[in-house]
C-alpha atoms as a PDB file:
ATOM      1  CA  UNK A   1      20.152  -6.215 -31.281  1.00  0.00           C
ATOM      2  CA  UNK A   2      19.326  -9.889 -31.004  1.00  0.00           C
ATOM      3  CA  UNK A   3      17.456 -10.888 -27.868  1.00  0.00           C
ATOM      4  CA  UNK A   4      16.331 -14.245 -26.553  1.00  0.00           C
ATOM      5  CA  UNK A   5      12.605 -14.128 -25.863  1.00  0.00           C
ATOM      6  CA  UNK A   6      11.603 -17.020 -23.611  1.00  0.00           C
ATOM      7  CA  UNK A   7       8.004 -16.808 -24.800  1.00  0.00           C
ATOM      8  CA  UNK A   8       9.062 -17.654 -28.365  1.00  0.00           C
ATOM      9  CA  UNK A   9      11.919 -20.115 -27.775  1.00  0.00           C
ATOM     10  CA  UNK A  10      11.384 -21.543 -24.304  1.00  0.00           C
ATOM     11  CA  UNK A  11      14.143 -22.162 -21.812  1.00  0.00           C
ATOM     12  CA  UNK A  12      15.892 -24.796 -23.895  1.00  0.00           C
ATOM     13  CA  UNK A  13      15.904 -22.518 -26.931  1.00  0.00           C
ATOM     14  CA  UNK A  14      17.416 -19.676 -24.935  1.00  0.00           C
ATOM     15  CA  UNK A  15      20.014 -22.042 -23.478  1.00  0.00           C
ATOM     16  CA  UNK A  16      20.958 -23.164 -27.001  1.00  0.00           C
ATOM     17  CA  UNK A  17      21.041 -19.571 -28.147  1.00  0.00           C
ATOM     18  CA  UNK A  18      23.611 -18.740 -25.464  1.00  0.00           C
ATOM     19  CA  UNK A  19      25.443 -22.077 -25.467  1.00  0.00           C
ATOM     20  CA  UNK A  20      26.559 -21.972 -29.101  1.00  0.00           C
ATOM     21  CA  UNK A  21      28.631 -18.736 -28.902  1.00  0.00           C
ATOM     22  CA  UNK A  22      30.024 -19.875 -25.552  1.00  0.00           C
ATOM     23  CA  UNK A  23      31.129 -23.201 -27.027  1.00  0.00           C
ATOM     24  CA  UNK A  24      32.781 -21.411 -29.944  1.00  0.00           C
ATOM     25  CA  UNK A  25      34.655 -19.147 -27.495  1.00  0.00           C
ATOM     26  CA  UNK A  26      35.865 -22.139 -25.475  1.00  0.00           C
ATOM     27  CA  UNK A  27      37.075 -23.900 -28.640  1.00  0.00           C
ATOM     28  CA  UNK A  28      39.013 -20.793 -29.660  1.00  0.00           C
ATOM     29  CA  UNK A  29      40.637 -20.705 -26.211  1.00  0.00           C
ATOM     30  CA  UNK A  30      41.524 -24.390 -26.325  1.00  0.00           C
ATOM     31  CA  UNK A  31      42.976 -24.554 -29.833  1.00  0.00           C
ATOM     32  CA  UNK A  32      44.362 -21.091 -30.606  1.00  0.00           C
ATOM     33  CA  UNK A  33      45.508 -19.490 -27.343  1.00  0.00           C
ATOM     34  CA  UNK A  34      48.924 -20.583 -26.130  1.00  0.00           C
ATOM     35  CA  UNK A  35      50.315 -19.757 -22.717  1.00  0.00           C
ATOM     36  CA  UNK A  36      53.756 -18.206 -22.635  1.00  0.00           C
ATOM     37  CA  UNK A  37      56.054 -19.404 -19.880  1.00  0.00           C
ATOM     38  CA  UNK A  38      57.509 -16.635 -17.749  1.00  0.00           C
ATOM     39  CA  UNK A  39      60.825 -17.057 -15.993  1.00  0.00           C
ATOM     40  CA  UNK A  40      60.544 -16.809 -12.236  1.00  0.00           C
ATOM     41  CA  UNK A  41      62.711 -14.207 -10.628  1.00  0.00           C
ATOM     42  CA  UNK A  42      64.652 -15.156  -7.551  1.00  0.00           C
ATOM     43  CA  UNK A  43      62.812 -13.310  -4.827  1.00  0.00           C
ATOM     44  CA  UNK A  44      63.476 -13.029  -1.147  1.00  0.00           C
ATOM     45  CA  UNK A  45      60.429 -10.934  -0.337  1.00  0.00           C
ATOM     46  CA  UNK A  46      57.964 -12.113   2.244  1.00  0.00           C
ATOM     47  CA  UNK A  47      54.205 -11.806   2.450  1.00  0.00           C
ATOM     48  CA  UNK A  48      54.543  -8.922   4.919  1.00  0.00           C
ATOM     49  CA  UNK A  49      56.932  -7.147   2.557  1.00  0.00           C
ATOM     50  CA  UNK A  50      54.492  -7.579  -0.322  1.00  0.00           C
ATOM     51  CA  UNK A  51      51.636  -6.162   1.738  1.00  0.00           C
ATOM     52  CA  UNK A  52      53.752  -3.208   2.845  1.00  0.00           C
ATOM     53  CA  UNK A  53      54.714  -2.409  -0.743  1.00  0.00           C
ATOM     54  CA  UNK A  54      51.055  -2.688  -1.799  1.00  0.00           C
ATOM     55  CA  UNK A  55      50.006  -0.205   0.879  1.00  0.00           C
ATOM     56  CA  UNK A  56      52.794   2.229  -0.016  1.00  0.00           C
ATOM     57  CA  UNK A  57      52.252   2.125  -3.782  1.00  0.00           C
ATOM     58  CA  UNK A  58      48.440   1.970  -3.943  1.00  0.00           C
ATOM     59  CA  UNK A  59      47.083   4.175  -1.181  1.00  0.00           C
ATOM     60  CA  UNK A  60      43.874   5.023  -3.043  1.00  0.00           C
ATOM     61  CA  UNK A  61      43.141   1.338  -3.599  1.00  0.00           C
ATOM     62  CA  UNK A  62      43.725   0.540   0.065  1.00  0.00           C
ATOM     63  CA  UNK A  63      41.422   3.390   1.137  1.00  0.00           C
ATOM     64  CA  UNK A  64      38.751   2.166  -1.285  1.00  0.00           C
ATOM     65  CA  UNK A  65      39.064  -1.383   0.064  1.00  0.00           C
ATOM     66  CA  UNK A  66      38.737  -0.213   3.671  1.00  0.00           C
ATOM     67  CA  UNK A  67      35.704   1.972   2.919  1.00  0.00           C
ATOM     68  CA  UNK A  68      34.043  -0.836   0.968  1.00  0.00           C
ATOM     69  CA  UNK A  69      34.704  -3.247   3.830  1.00  0.00           C
ATOM     70  CA  UNK A  70      33.149  -0.897   6.374  1.00  0.00           C
ATOM     71  CA  UNK A  71      30.008  -0.386   4.306  1.00  0.00           C
ATOM     72  CA  UNK A  72      29.673  -4.097   3.534  1.00  0.00           C
ATOM     73  CA  UNK A  73      29.543  -4.837   7.267  1.00  0.00           C
ATOM     74  CA  UNK A  74      26.191  -3.046   7.355  1.00  0.00           C
ATOM     75  CA  UNK A  75      24.827  -4.716   4.238  1.00  0.00           C
ATOM     76  CA  UNK A  76      22.885  -7.866   5.021  1.00  0.00           C
ATOM     77  CA  UNK A  77      20.160  -9.883   3.446  1.00  0.00           C
ATOM     78  CA  UNK A  78      16.672  -8.744   4.419  1.00  0.00           C
ATOM     79  CA  UNK A  79      15.229 -12.176   3.674  1.00  0.00           C
ATOM     80  CA  UNK A  80      16.523 -13.370   7.052  1.00  0.00           C
ATOM     81  CA  UNK A  81      14.636 -10.536   8.724  1.00  0.00           C
ATOM     82  CA  UNK A  82      11.493 -11.531   6.847  1.00  0.00           C
ATOM     83  CA  UNK A  83      11.887 -15.167   7.894  1.00  0.00           C
ATOM     84  CA  UNK A  84      12.145 -14.175  11.539  1.00  0.00           C
ATOM     85  CA  UNK A  85       9.214 -11.784  11.160  1.00  0.00           C
ATOM     86  CA  UNK A  86       6.973 -14.508   9.748  1.00  0.00           C
ATOM     87  CA  UNK A  87       7.650 -16.638  12.809  1.00  0.00           C
ATOM     88  CA  UNK A  88       6.784 -13.864  15.218  1.00  0.00           C
ATOM     89  CA  UNK A  89       3.370 -13.526  16.830  1.00  0.00           C
ATOM     90  CA  UNK A  90       3.016  -9.887  15.735  1.00  0.00           C
ATOM     91  CA  UNK A  91       2.747 -10.841  12.079  1.00  0.00           C
ATOM     92  CA  UNK A  92       0.143 -13.479  12.887  1.00  0.00           C
ATOM     93  CA  UNK A  93      -1.918 -10.914  14.807  1.00  0.00           C
ATOM     94  CA  UNK A  94      -1.650  -8.219  12.131  1.00  0.00           C
ATOM     95  CA  UNK A  95      -2.535 -10.459   9.186  1.00  0.00           C
ATOM     96  CA  UNK A  96      -5.381 -12.651  10.455  1.00  0.00           C
END
């Protein structure tokens, strides 16, 4: 496996090491991939109808999304707590 060791190549060497395959991939996308046009179907569905059909057809996905949303409400960045703690007098007293 080929790895990019910063100690040997430096940051610019690692950037070049990653940039070259990325540039080749972009060139392949630009010159060889063609988008196929898809005919639009005449649709009279509304946003509410689309949401209702999503809920009916993908119940496990909807449950997963709700559970993930509930747990992400409790996830927050502890760096804000640390910033507030450094401003408090208790930290100044404890670490004189």
